[in-house]
Amino acid sequence: MESSQDGDEGLPKYEPPSPALPLYSQTTLPVYSISPRLQQFQVPPELPAMPFPLRVPRETPPPPVVPGVGPPAPAIGPPTNPTLIILPGTRTGFKLAVRQHPERTGIFEFGENHRFSIDPPPIVELVISSTEKEALILQCTLWNEEGTEHRNIIRTTTGIAAKPNSDEAPPKQLEEKHAPAMIGKISTSAVYLKDEHSKYGLFYIFPDLSIRVEGRYRLKFDLHLVLPPDPLACSVPNRVVAEVFSDIFVVYPAEKFPGMMKSTALTKAIANQGIQINMLSEP
């Protein structure tokens, strides 16, 4: 035991590190110097500006200026959080693309013989489909700007008025009446046509839609797959396989409607193939 203690006299004694300093502070790390050749490749403090924009904004014509009527809301593209039938991400084998969005129209009042149609005429293309093209029907409905509620029905309440020069008024018999807010051909089948670039496709055309209430709206297009009924099946064969919203358009009062717009190249291409569609006559 004594010899072991004498042998430890030449070894350094262990001293614990100071409690105020962490253990890694006791270690000295090597310092490396940068070569003078590499110092000329230092990163500048500010990067130069890009010579071109990363994204090119979509150019759209300005809305018409009409006294007393505000311009349409600056919302180009689909609504943010719409009410959909098909869950997002569901693959049905069908896809729709609005090739021509509506922009404006005049209000169609009750009892009027002449009515304004939505301009330009909405045109939807079936870009992806399976083999059942003959069993596809596209239906158009009217919705609010946000795409959350439909605006297809007008509800009015009527009652019996009191007789003139009568002390006793008859009891009011209120009656609620319903009328469609949008009239015209709201369902159609696809037509195989060429577009303005002479490319064939399946197009759904809505040339005669009119709105009875002024405001800002969207159109919603639902593609229905209509199959013959199966007596052995318990479910309904008809179902919605694709849906898409249009951009926002404006319905003006009749006296403030700025008129039809210049016919687009797609409208002219479809009209030249024998399809009846509204066009602005050019001088």
Protein backbone atom coordinates (compact mmCIF):
# COMPACT_ATOMS: atom_id res chain seq x y z
CA MET A 1 0.00 0.00 0.00
CA GLU A 2 2.85 2.42 0.88
CA SER A 3 4.70 1.67 -2.38
CA SER A 4 1.59 2.56 -4.43
CA GLN A 5 1.31 5.91 -2.74
CA ASP A 6 4.97 6.66 -3.37
CA GLY A 7 4.54 5.79 -7.09
CA ASP A 8 1.74 8.37 -7.51
CA GLU A 9 3.92 11.27 -6.36
CA GLY A 10 5.24 11.91 -9.90
CA LEU A 11 1.75 12.12 -11.56
CA PRO A 12 -0.18 15.43 -11.78
CA LYS A 13 -3.03 15.72 -9.41
CA TYR A 14 -6.60 15.96 -10.79
CA GLU A 15 -8.21 19.35 -10.26
CA PRO A 16 -11.91 19.73 -11.13
CA PRO A 17 -12.85 22.63 -13.46
CA SER A 18 -14.17 25.84 -12.04
CA PRO A 19 -17.97 25.64 -11.51
CA ALA A 20 -18.43 29.07 -13.10
CA LEU A 21 -17.13 27.85 -16.48
CA PRO A 22 -18.50 25.01 -18.64
CA LEU A 23 -16.34 22.01 -19.39
CA TYR A 24 -15.90 22.84 -23.06
CA SER A 25 -14.37 26.23 -22.17
CA GLN A 26 -11.31 24.46 -20.82
CA THR A 27 -10.43 23.16 -24.28
CA THR A 28 -8.53 25.33 -26.73
CA LEU A 29 -9.68 24.86 -30.33
CA PRO A 30 -7.24 25.28 -33.21
CA VAL A 31 -7.60 28.46 -35.24
CA TYR A 32 -7.38 28.16 -39.02
CA SER A 33 -6.44 31.11 -41.21
CA ILE A 34 -7.98 31.84 -44.62
CA SER A 35 -5.67 31.67 -47.55
CA PRO A 36 -5.04 35.07 -49.23
CA ARG A 37 -6.05 33.49 -52.54
CA LEU A 38 -9.55 32.76 -51.22
CA GLN A 39 -10.10 36.21 -49.73
CA GLN A 40 -10.88 37.65 -53.18
CA PHE A 41 -13.95 35.40 -53.41
CA GLN A 42 -15.83 37.05 -50.54
CA VAL A 43 -19.64 37.21 -50.81
CA PRO A 44 -20.87 40.77 -51.38
CA PRO A 45 -23.06 42.18 -48.58
CA GLU A 46 -26.03 42.73 -50.99
CA LEU A 47 -26.92 40.62 -53.99
CA PRO A 48 -27.65 42.48 -57.23
CA ALA A 49 -31.26 42.84 -58.33
CA MET A 50 -32.74 40.27 -60.68
CA PRO A 51 -32.71 41.46 -64.31
CA PHE A 52 -36.25 40.06 -64.83
CA PRO A 53 -39.27 39.29 -62.58
CA LEU A 54 -39.69 35.74 -61.38
CA ARG A 55 -43.44 35.72 -62.16
CA VAL A 56 -45.22 37.64 -64.87
CA PRO A 57 -48.54 39.03 -63.58
CA ARG A 58 -51.69 38.22 -65.51
CA GLU A 59 -52.81 41.15 -67.63
CA THR A 60 -56.54 41.81 -67.59
CA PRO A 61 -58.48 44.66 -69.21
CA PRO A 62 -59.76 47.28 -66.75
CA PRO A 63 -63.46 47.09 -65.87
CA PRO A 64 -65.82 49.63 -67.47
CA VAL A 65 -66.40 52.85 -65.56
CA VAL A 66 -70.14 53.31 -64.97
CA PRO A 67 -71.42 56.15 -62.74
CA GLY A 68 -73.08 54.77 -59.63
CA VAL A 69 -71.83 51.22 -60.15
CA GLY A 70 -68.60 50.03 -58.60
CA PRO A 71 -66.10 47.92 -60.51
CA PRO A 72 -66.02 44.17 -59.99
CA ALA A 73 -64.08 42.82 -57.07
CA PRO A 74 -60.39 42.19 -57.88
CA ALA A 75 -60.73 38.43 -57.63
CA ILE A 76 -59.48 36.65 -60.71
CA GLY A 77 -59.50 32.89 -60.45
CA PRO A 78 -61.41 30.41 -58.30
CA PRO A 79 -62.85 31.37 -54.91
CA THR A 80 -60.72 30.86 -51.81
CA ASN A 81 -62.95 28.50 -49.83
CA PRO A 82 -65.89 27.44 -52.01
CA THR A 83 -68.63 24.94 -51.34
CA LEU A 84 -67.78 21.83 -53.35
CA ILE A 85 -69.51 18.53 -53.98
CA ILE A 86 -66.33 16.57 -54.68
CA LEU A 87 -63.73 16.45 -51.93
CA PRO A 88 -60.43 18.16 -52.86
CA GLY A 89 -57.87 15.69 -54.15
CA THR A 90 -60.47 13.17 -55.35
CA ARG A 91 -59.65 11.72 -58.76
CA THR A 92 -62.71 11.05 -60.89
CA GLY A 93 -61.10 10.84 -64.35
CA PHE A 94 -62.73 14.13 -65.44
CA LYS A 95 -61.54 17.74 -65.42
CA LEU A 96 -63.09 21.01 -66.57
CA ALA A 97 -61.45 24.26 -67.67
CA VAL A 98 -63.30 27.55 -68.18
CA ARG A 99 -62.02 28.75 -71.54
CA GLN A 100 -64.11 31.93 -71.56
CA HIS A 101 -65.20 33.61 -68.32
CA PRO A 102 -68.29 35.84 -68.06
CA GLU A 103 -67.62 39.51 -67.32
CA ARG A 104 -70.86 41.51 -67.39
CA THR A 105 -74.52 41.65 -68.33
CA GLY A 106 -77.60 43.79 -67.80
CA ILE A 107 -80.44 42.93 -65.47
CA PHE A 108 -83.45 41.16 -66.97
CA GLU A 109 -86.57 42.58 -65.36
CA PHE A 110 -89.86 40.73 -65.05
CA GLY A 111 -92.20 41.32 -67.96
CA GLU A 112 -89.53 42.62 -70.33
CA ASN A 113 -89.47 41.18 -73.82
CA HIS A 114 -85.81 41.96 -74.44
CA ARG A 115 -83.20 40.52 -72.14
CA PHE A 116 -79.43 40.84 -71.94
CA SER A 117 -77.31 37.72 -72.10
CA ILE A 118 -74.11 37.19 -70.12
CA ASP A 119 -71.19 38.56 -72.10
CA PRO A 120 -68.92 37.07 -73.24
CA PRO A 121 -70.77 33.76 -73.48
CA PRO A 122 -69.36 31.28 -70.94
CA ILE A 123 -67.46 28.42 -72.59
CA VAL A 124 -66.13 25.40 -70.68
CA GLU A 125 -63.86 22.71 -72.10
CA LEU A 126 -63.65 19.09 -70.98
CA VAL A 127 -59.87 18.66 -70.87
CA ILE A 128 -59.64 15.23 -69.20
CA SER A 129 -62.28 12.53 -69.45
CA SER A 130 -62.80 8.80 -69.57
CA THR A 131 -64.74 7.03 -72.31
CA GLU A 132 -68.31 8.03 -71.34
CA LYS A 133 -68.46 11.29 -73.30
CA GLU A 134 -72.03 10.75 -74.50
CA ALA A 135 -73.34 10.43 -70.95
CA LEU A 136 -71.96 13.78 -69.71
CA ILE A 137 -74.19 16.80 -69.05
CA LEU A 138 -72.84 20.14 -67.81
CA GLN A 139 -75.15 22.17 -65.57
CA CYS A 140 -74.67 25.87 -64.80
CA THR A 141 -75.84 27.50 -61.55
CA LEU A 142 -75.59 31.00 -60.06
CA TRP A 143 -73.49 31.58 -56.91
CA ASN A 144 -72.28 34.45 -54.76
CA GLU A 145 -68.83 36.02 -55.05
CA GLU A 146 -67.29 33.76 -52.41
CA GLY A 147 -68.64 30.57 -54.01
CA THR A 148 -70.25 29.50 -50.74
CA GLU A 149 -74.00 29.93 -51.43
CA HIS A 150 -76.09 29.55 -54.55
CA ARG A 151 -78.29 32.39 -55.82
CA ASN A 152 -80.60 30.43 -58.10
CA ILE A 153 -83.92 31.31 -56.47
CA ILE A 154 -85.66 34.67 -55.93
CA ARG A 155 -88.08 34.67 -53.00
CA THR A 156 -90.82 37.31 -52.87
CA THR A 157 -93.69 37.71 -50.40
CA THR A 158 -97.08 39.03 -51.52
CA GLY A 159 -100.28 39.74 -49.58
CA ILE A 160 -103.82 41.08 -50.02
CA ALA A 161 -103.96 44.88 -49.71
CA ALA A 162 -106.69 46.65 -47.76
CA LYS A 163 -109.72 47.92 -49.67
CA PRO A 164 -109.82 51.68 -50.26
CA ASN A 165 -112.20 53.71 -48.02
CA SER A 166 -112.63 50.76 -45.70
CA ASP A 167 -112.39 50.98 -41.92
CA GLU A 168 -111.75 47.30 -41.47
CA ALA A 169 -108.70 45.91 -43.18
CA PRO A 170 -108.96 42.30 -44.30
CA PRO A 171 -106.53 39.85 -42.77
CA LYS A 172 -103.27 39.71 -44.65
CA GLN A 173 -102.73 36.49 -46.52
CA LEU A 174 -99.02 36.37 -47.15
CA GLU A 175 -97.79 34.15 -49.91
CA GLU A 176 -94.18 33.37 -50.74
CA LYS A 177 -93.36 32.98 -54.39
CA HIS A 178 -90.22 31.51 -55.89
CA ALA A 179 -88.74 32.38 -59.27
CA PRO A 180 -85.44 31.47 -60.92
CA ALA A 181 -82.78 34.17 -60.72
CA MET A 182 -81.07 32.93 -63.89
CA ILE A 183 -82.97 31.96 -67.01
CA GLY A 184 -81.85 30.40 -70.25
CA LYS A 185 -80.44 27.03 -71.16
CA ILE A 186 -78.59 26.03 -67.99
CA SER A 187 -77.74 22.45 -69.07
CA THR A 188 -76.00 21.40 -72.25
CA SER A 189 -74.01 18.63 -73.89
CA ALA A 190 -70.49 18.83 -75.29
CA VAL A 191 -69.81 19.81 -78.89
CA TYR A 192 -66.68 18.72 -80.73
CA LEU A 193 -65.26 21.94 -82.20
CA LYS A 194 -62.06 23.78 -83.04
CA ASP A 195 -60.90 26.65 -80.86
CA GLU A 196 -59.23 29.90 -81.96
CA HIS A 197 -55.97 27.98 -82.46
CA SER A 198 -57.62 25.35 -84.73
CA LYS A 199 -57.27 22.74 -82.00
CA TYR A 200 -60.16 20.32 -81.53
CA GLY A 201 -61.80 19.84 -78.18
CA LEU A 202 -65.05 19.13 -76.34
CA PHE A 203 -66.76 22.43 -75.50
CA TYR A 204 -69.84 23.30 -73.44
CA ILE A 205 -71.38 26.61 -74.56
CA PHE A 206 -73.95 28.74 -72.66
CA PRO A 207 -74.98 31.51 -75.09
CA ASP A 208 -78.31 32.72 -73.62
CA LEU A 209 -78.01 33.06 -69.83
CA SER A 210 -79.68 36.09 -68.23
CA ILE A 211 -79.81 37.31 -64.61
CA ARG A 212 -82.80 38.96 -62.93
CA VAL A 213 -81.05 40.52 -59.92
CA GLU A 214 -78.16 42.99 -60.11
CA GLY A 215 -74.97 42.35 -58.20
CA ARG A 216 -71.71 40.42 -58.41
CA TYR A 217 -71.82 36.67 -58.95
CA ARG A 218 -69.95 33.59 -60.08
CA LEU A 219 -71.12 30.73 -62.26
CA LYS A 220 -70.59 27.16 -61.10
CA PHE A 221 -70.39 24.34 -63.63
CA ASP A 222 -71.16 20.78 -62.49
CA LEU A 223 -70.41 17.87 -64.81
CA HIS A 224 -72.98 15.11 -64.35
CA LEU A 225 -72.35 11.54 -65.43
CA VAL A 226 -75.76 10.23 -66.48
CA LEU A 227 -75.93 6.44 -66.78
CA PRO A 228 -78.93 4.19 -67.43
CA PRO A 229 -80.52 2.89 -64.22
CA ASP A 230 -79.40 -0.48 -62.97
CA PRO A 231 -82.26 -2.50 -61.39
CA LEU A 232 -79.77 -4.46 -59.28
CA ALA A 233 -78.00 -1.38 -57.91
CA CYS A 234 -79.28 0.38 -54.82
CA SER A 235 -77.54 3.72 -55.46
CA VAL A 236 -78.43 6.42 -57.96
CA PRO A 237 -76.22 6.10 -61.08
CA ASN A 238 -76.12 9.87 -61.78
CA ARG A 239 -73.35 11.76 -60.00
CA VAL A 240 -71.16 14.86 -60.28
CA VAL A 241 -67.69 13.94 -61.57
CA ALA A 242 -66.17 17.43 -62.02
CA GLU A 243 -66.90 21.01 -61.00
CA VAL A 244 -65.39 24.43 -61.57
CA PHE A 245 -66.19 28.08 -60.78
CA SER A 246 -65.95 31.06 -63.10
CA ASP A 247 -64.46 34.43 -62.28
CA ILE A 248 -66.63 37.15 -60.76
CA PHE A 249 -68.91 39.01 -63.18
CA VAL A 250 -71.19 42.03 -62.73
CA VAL A 251 -74.92 42.36 -63.40
CA TYR A 252 -75.72 46.03 -64.08
CA PRO A 253 -79.07 47.80 -63.98
CA ALA A 254 -80.62 47.99 -67.42
CA GLU A 255 -80.10 51.75 -67.75
CA LYS A 256 -76.43 51.51 -66.72
CA PHE A 257 -75.40 48.46 -68.74
CA PRO A 258 -72.38 49.53 -70.83
CA GLY A 259 -73.24 47.15 -73.66
CA MET A 260 -71.69 44.07 -75.18
CA MET A 261 -67.97 43.65 -75.37
CA LYS A 262 -65.98 43.01 -78.51
CA SER A 263 -66.33 39.39 -79.55
CA THR A 264 -63.36 37.24 -78.62
CA ALA A 265 -61.37 35.08 -80.98
CA LEU A 266 -62.84 31.95 -79.37
CA THR A 267 -66.40 33.23 -79.88
CA LYS A 268 -65.69 33.96 -83.53
CA ALA A 269 -64.11 30.55 -84.08
CA ILE A 270 -67.14 28.77 -82.63
CA ALA A 271 -69.61 30.94 -84.55
CA ASN A 272 -67.80 30.19 -87.82
CA GLN A 273 -68.51 26.49 -87.26
CA GLY A 274 -72.28 26.98 -87.28
CA ILE A 275 -72.93 27.34 -83.54
CA GLN A 276 -75.53 29.97 -82.61
CA ILE A 277 -73.78 32.32 -80.22
CA ASN A 278 -74.11 36.03 -79.45
CA MET A 279 -71.61 38.23 -81.28
CA LEU A 280 -71.09 41.96 -81.50
CA SER A 281 -71.55 43.03 -85.09
CA GLU A 282 -68.48 44.86 -86.32
CA PRO A 283 -68.67 47.69 -88.85
